[in-house]
C-alpha atoms as a PDB file:
ATOM      1  CA  UNK A   1       8.690  -7.485  -2.202  1.00  0.00           C
ATOM      2  CA  UNK A   2       8.795  -3.840  -3.222  1.00  0.00           C
ATOM      3  CA  UNK A   3       6.971  -1.456  -0.892  1.00  0.00           C
ATOM      4  CA  UNK A   4       6.066   2.170  -1.446  1.00  0.00           C
ATOM      5  CA  UNK A   5       6.457   4.544   1.475  1.00  0.00           C
ATOM      6  CA  UNK A   6       5.016   7.965   2.121  1.00  0.00           C
ATOM      7  CA  UNK A   7       7.139  10.228   4.311  1.00  0.00           C
ATOM      8  CA  UNK A   8       6.599  13.582   5.984  1.00  0.00           C
ATOM      9  CA  UNK A   9       9.874  15.432   5.508  1.00  0.00           C
ATOM     10  CA  UNK A  10       9.090  18.016   8.218  1.00  0.00           C
ATOM     11  CA  UNK A  11       8.748  15.406  10.964  1.00  0.00           C
ATOM     12  CA  UNK A  12      10.801  12.570   9.497  1.00  0.00           C
ATOM     13  CA  UNK A  13       7.855  10.239  10.068  1.00  0.00           C
ATOM     14  CA  UNK A  14       6.751   7.515   7.706  1.00  0.00           C
ATOM     15  CA  UNK A  15       3.042   8.032   7.104  1.00  0.00           C
ATOM     16  CA  UNK A  16       2.516   4.570   5.687  1.00  0.00           C
ATOM     17  CA  UNK A  17       3.809   1.658   3.658  1.00  0.00           C
ATOM     18  CA  UNK A  18       1.845   0.481   0.632  1.00  0.00           C
ATOM     19  CA  UNK A  19       1.938  -2.441  -1.776  1.00  0.00           C
ATOM     20  CA  UNK A  20       1.227  -0.236  -4.784  1.00  0.00           C
ATOM     21  CA  UNK A  21       2.024   3.376  -5.634  1.00  0.00           C
ATOM     22  CA  UNK A  22      -1.676   3.927  -6.375  1.00  0.00           C
ATOM     23  CA  UNK A  23      -2.513   3.301  -2.711  1.00  0.00           C
ATOM     24  CA  UNK A  24       0.133   5.785  -1.588  1.00  0.00           C
ATOM     25  CA  UNK A  25      -0.993   8.400  -4.112  1.00  0.00           C
ATOM     26  CA  UNK A  26      -4.559   8.149  -2.832  1.00  0.00           C
ATOM     27  CA  UNK A  27      -3.311   9.074   0.639  1.00  0.00           C
ATOM     28  CA  UNK A  28      -1.419  12.029  -0.831  1.00  0.00           C
ATOM     29  CA  UNK A  29      -4.699  13.382  -2.235  1.00  0.00           C
ATOM     30  CA  UNK A  30      -6.455  12.872   1.097  1.00  0.00           C
ATOM     31  CA  UNK A  31      -3.712  14.686   3.031  1.00  0.00           C
ATOM     32  CA  UNK A  32      -3.729  17.665   0.667  1.00  0.00           C
ATOM     33  CA  UNK A  33      -7.542  17.872   0.784  1.00  0.00           C
ATOM     34  CA  UNK A  34      -7.474  17.834   4.588  1.00  0.00           C
ATOM     35  CA  UNK A  35      -4.399  19.956   5.292  1.00  0.00           C
ATOM     36  CA  UNK A  36      -4.243  22.257   2.261  1.00  0.00           C
ATOM     37  CA  UNK A  37      -2.003  22.679  -0.767  1.00  0.00           C
ATOM     38  CA  UNK A  38       1.062  23.725   1.247  1.00  0.00           C
ATOM     39  CA  UNK A  39       1.181  20.278   2.877  1.00  0.00           C
ATOM     40  CA  UNK A  40       2.534  18.782  -0.364  1.00  0.00           C
ATOM     41  CA  UNK A  41       5.858  20.518   0.261  1.00  0.00           C
ATOM     42  CA  UNK A  42       6.538  18.060   3.103  1.00  0.00           C
ATOM     43  CA  UNK A  43       5.526  14.820   1.375  1.00  0.00           C
ATOM     44  CA  UNK A  44       7.911  12.373  -0.263  1.00  0.00           C
ATOM     45  CA  UNK A  45       6.987   9.112  -1.976  1.00  0.00           C
ATOM     46  CA  UNK A  46       9.733   6.530  -1.779  1.00  0.00           C
ATOM     47  CA  UNK A  47      10.271   2.913  -2.653  1.00  0.00           C
ATOM     48  CA  UNK A  48      11.909   0.158  -0.621  1.00  0.00           C
ATOM     49  CA  UNK A  49      13.155  -2.759  -2.694  1.00  0.00           C
ATOM     50  CA  UNK A  50      13.558  -6.434  -1.822  1.00  0.00           C
ATOM     51  CA  UNK A  51      16.964  -5.792  -0.255  1.00  0.00           C
ATOM     52  CA  UNK A  52      15.611  -3.097   2.078  1.00  0.00           C
ATOM     53  CA  UNK A  53      17.232  -0.228   0.168  1.00  0.00           C
ATOM     54  CA  UNK A  54      15.090   2.920   0.025  1.00  0.00           C
ATOM     55  CA  UNK A  55      15.054   5.637  -2.588  1.00  0.00           C
ATOM     56  CA  UNK A  56      12.858   8.691  -3.168  1.00  0.00           C
ATOM     57  CA  UNK A  57      10.630   8.630  -6.245  1.00  0.00           C
ATOM     58  CA  UNK A  58       8.679  11.904  -6.167  1.00  0.00           C
ATOM     59  CA  UNK A  59       8.034  14.854  -3.942  1.00  0.00           C
ATOM     60  CA  UNK A  60       6.337  18.225  -3.837  1.00  0.00           C
ATOM     61  CA  UNK A  61       4.485  19.517  -6.889  1.00  0.00           C
ATOM     62  CA  UNK A  62       5.481  16.521  -9.014  1.00  0.00           C
ATOM     63  CA  UNK A  63       4.006  14.179  -6.404  1.00  0.00           C
ATOM     64  CA  UNK A  64       0.737  16.098  -6.245  1.00  0.00           C
ATOM     65  CA  UNK A  65       0.440  16.182 -10.026  1.00  0.00           C
ATOM     66  CA  UNK A  66       0.898  12.407 -10.233  1.00  0.00           C
ATOM     67  CA  UNK A  67      -1.521  11.823  -7.341  1.00  0.00           C
ATOM     68  CA  UNK A  68      -4.231  13.853  -9.076  1.00  0.00           C
ATOM     69  CA  UNK A  69      -3.622  12.060 -12.409  1.00  0.00           C
ATOM     70  CA  UNK A  70      -3.835   8.695 -10.701  1.00  0.00           C
ATOM     71  CA  UNK A  71      -7.024   9.627  -8.876  1.00  0.00           C
ATOM     72  CA  UNK A  72      -8.678  10.673 -12.158  1.00  0.00           C
ATOM     73  CA  UNK A  73      -7.522   7.489 -13.899  1.00  0.00           C
ATOM     74  CA  UNK A  74      -8.833   5.216 -11.151  1.00  0.00           C
ATOM     75  CA  UNK A  75     -12.114   7.047 -10.489  1.00  0.00           C
ATOM     76  CA  UNK A  76     -15.077   5.175 -11.618  1.00  0.00           C
END
């Protein structure tokens, strides 16, 4: 099963594992709202596939842009 992971690059800590990227992107928005815009510079969204291999998908400004788009699309 594919999992999406949110990492804090500054600490090397995984902030969470999620079944969908939408769930991870929601957390990105919450972190930026709480900690400020500069916090996005430390966040990386990655994916772990069925074999356990991890790869980064998005980070920084691109990640925030996608998180905001996703939040608008799922608001209702």
